[in-house]
Amino acid sequence: MMIIGAAIQAVTLLLAGLAFWQGYQIFGFILINLTTVAWIISEAGIGLYALETVPDIVYVVYSSAGYVATGIAALTSKSIRDSALGDAGFLWLFAVFNFLGVFYLLFFVKETKGLTDI
């Protein structure tokens, strides 16, 4: 679920950036909404993976860090959009981060199916 969600996010952000760059803002906003759905799918996968692999306190710290990161992204997004990147570059920047996340998930995160703590 994590890989699928991150890949969908990356592609929809890439396409949304292209839509904004070409002047199709409505289509871009629709794609951003699809990105939100993909984020929900990805977060469900991350939550399940973390619950299976880490102690409860680590999961609490992970969840808290997610809220802090979301706050930082919300506070800095306007300044990034107003910079030379613009709306399209802003979305492409986050698409690159998602592609890096897909790469990380594919090559560095272990599969937990069938594993137990016993």
Protein backbone atom coordinates (compact mmCIF):
# COMPACT_ATOMS: atom_id res chain seq x y z
CA MET A 1 0.00 0.00 0.00
CA MET A 2 2.81 2.40 0.78
CA ILE A 3 4.49 1.99 -2.60
CA ILE A 4 1.23 2.26 -4.52
CA GLY A 5 0.12 5.35 -2.58
CA ALA A 6 3.49 7.09 -2.96
CA ALA A 7 3.65 6.26 -6.68
CA ILE A 8 0.12 7.59 -7.28
CA GLN A 9 0.99 10.74 -5.34
CA ALA A 10 4.13 11.28 -7.40
CA VAL A 11 2.35 10.85 -10.73
CA THR A 12 -0.65 13.01 -9.79
CA LEU A 13 1.60 15.77 -8.46
CA LEU A 14 3.67 15.62 -11.64
CA LEU A 15 0.53 15.87 -13.79
CA ALA A 16 -0.96 18.61 -11.59
CA GLY A 17 2.24 20.63 -12.02
CA LEU A 18 1.97 20.16 -15.77
CA ALA A 19 -1.68 21.27 -15.68
CA PHE A 20 -0.83 24.42 -13.72
CA TRP A 21 2.11 25.12 -16.03
CA GLN A 22 -0.18 24.88 -19.08
CA GLY A 23 -2.87 27.01 -17.44
CA TYR A 24 -5.43 24.29 -16.69
CA GLN A 25 -5.95 25.14 -13.03
CA ILE A 26 -9.26 23.27 -12.65
CA PHE A 27 -7.71 20.02 -13.91
CA GLY A 28 -4.74 20.68 -11.61
CA PHE A 29 -7.01 21.01 -8.58
CA ILE A 30 -8.77 17.75 -9.47
CA LEU A 31 -5.38 16.01 -9.61
CA ILE A 32 -4.42 17.52 -6.24
CA ASN A 33 -7.58 15.96 -4.78
CA LEU A 34 -6.51 12.59 -6.22
CA THR A 35 -3.14 13.14 -4.55
CA THR A 36 -4.95 13.52 -1.23
CA VAL A 37 -6.72 10.18 -1.75
CA ALA A 38 -3.38 8.55 -2.57
CA TRP A 39 -1.88 10.10 0.58
CA ILE A 40 -4.63 8.49 2.67
CA ILE A 41 -3.86 5.10 1.08
CA SER A 42 -0.15 5.56 1.72
CA GLU A 43 -0.64 6.65 5.32
CA ALA A 44 -2.76 3.57 6.02
CA GLY A 45 0.10 1.41 4.74
CA ILE A 46 2.68 3.28 6.79
CA GLY A 47 0.55 2.96 9.91
CA LEU A 48 0.12 -0.79 9.44
CA TYR A 49 3.83 -1.28 8.74
CA ALA A 50 4.87 0.75 11.78
CA LEU A 51 2.47 -1.10 14.07
CA GLU A 52 3.97 -4.43 12.96
CA THR A 53 7.64 -3.46 13.18
CA VAL A 54 8.28 -0.91 15.94
CA PRO A 55 7.47 -0.48 19.65
CA ASP A 56 4.45 1.63 20.56
CA ILE A 57 6.50 4.62 21.76
CA VAL A 58 8.33 4.78 18.43
CA TYR A 59 4.96 4.81 16.64
CA VAL A 60 3.82 7.71 18.85
CA VAL A 61 7.00 9.65 17.99
CA TYR A 62 6.51 8.82 14.28
CA SER A 63 2.91 10.08 14.37
CA SER A 64 3.93 13.27 16.15
CA ALA A 65 6.73 13.88 13.64
CA GLY A 66 4.18 13.53 10.84
CA TYR A 67 2.06 16.30 12.33
CA VAL A 68 5.12 18.53 12.76
CA ALA A 69 6.21 17.89 9.15
CA THR A 70 2.70 18.68 7.90
CA GLY A 71 2.75 21.94 9.86
CA ILE A 72 6.13 22.92 8.42
CA ALA A 73 4.91 22.14 4.89
CA ALA A 74 1.79 24.24 5.46
CA LEU A 75 3.79 27.17 6.81
CA THR A 76 6.37 27.17 4.00
CA SER A 77 4.15 26.33 1.03
CA LYS A 78 3.12 29.92 0.26
CA SER A 79 6.70 31.17 0.23
CA ILE A 80 7.75 28.31 -2.06
CA ARG A 81 4.83 28.98 -4.43
CA ASP A 82 5.64 32.70 -4.51
CA SER A 83 9.31 32.00 -5.33
CA ALA A 84 10.70 31.43 -8.80
CA LEU A 85 9.28 27.89 -8.76
CA GLY A 86 5.67 29.06 -9.01
CA ASP A 87 2.70 26.72 -8.68
CA ALA A 88 3.97 24.14 -11.19
CA GLY A 89 7.48 24.01 -9.72
CA PHE A 90 6.03 23.72 -6.23
CA LEU A 91 4.07 20.62 -7.25
CA TRP A 92 7.02 19.17 -9.16
CA LEU A 93 9.21 19.60 -6.08
CA PHE A 94 6.84 17.45 -4.04
CA ALA A 95 6.56 14.95 -6.93
CA VAL A 96 10.35 14.53 -6.78
CA PHE A 97 10.14 13.88 -3.03
CA ASN A 98 7.47 11.23 -3.67
CA PHE A 99 9.55 9.55 -6.39
CA LEU A 100 12.44 9.43 -3.91
CA GLY A 101 10.06 7.89 -1.38
CA VAL A 102 9.00 5.20 -3.87
CA PHE A 103 12.67 4.39 -4.52
CA TYR A 104 13.33 4.16 -0.77
CA LEU A 105 10.31 1.92 -0.20
CA LEU A 106 11.25 -0.40 -3.05
CA PHE A 107 14.85 -0.92 -2.04
CA PHE A 108 15.16 -0.33 1.72
CA VAL A 109 11.88 -1.26 3.47
CA LYS A 110 11.45 -4.95 4.32
CA GLU A 111 8.28 -6.91 3.63
CA THR A 112 6.51 -7.91 6.87
CA LYS A 113 3.97 -10.36 5.48
CA GLY A 114 4.25 -13.67 7.31
CA LEU A 115 6.67 -12.40 9.96
CA THR A 116 5.95 -12.67 13.69
CA ASP A 117 7.62 -11.40 16.85
CA ILE A 118 7.64 -14.89 18.39
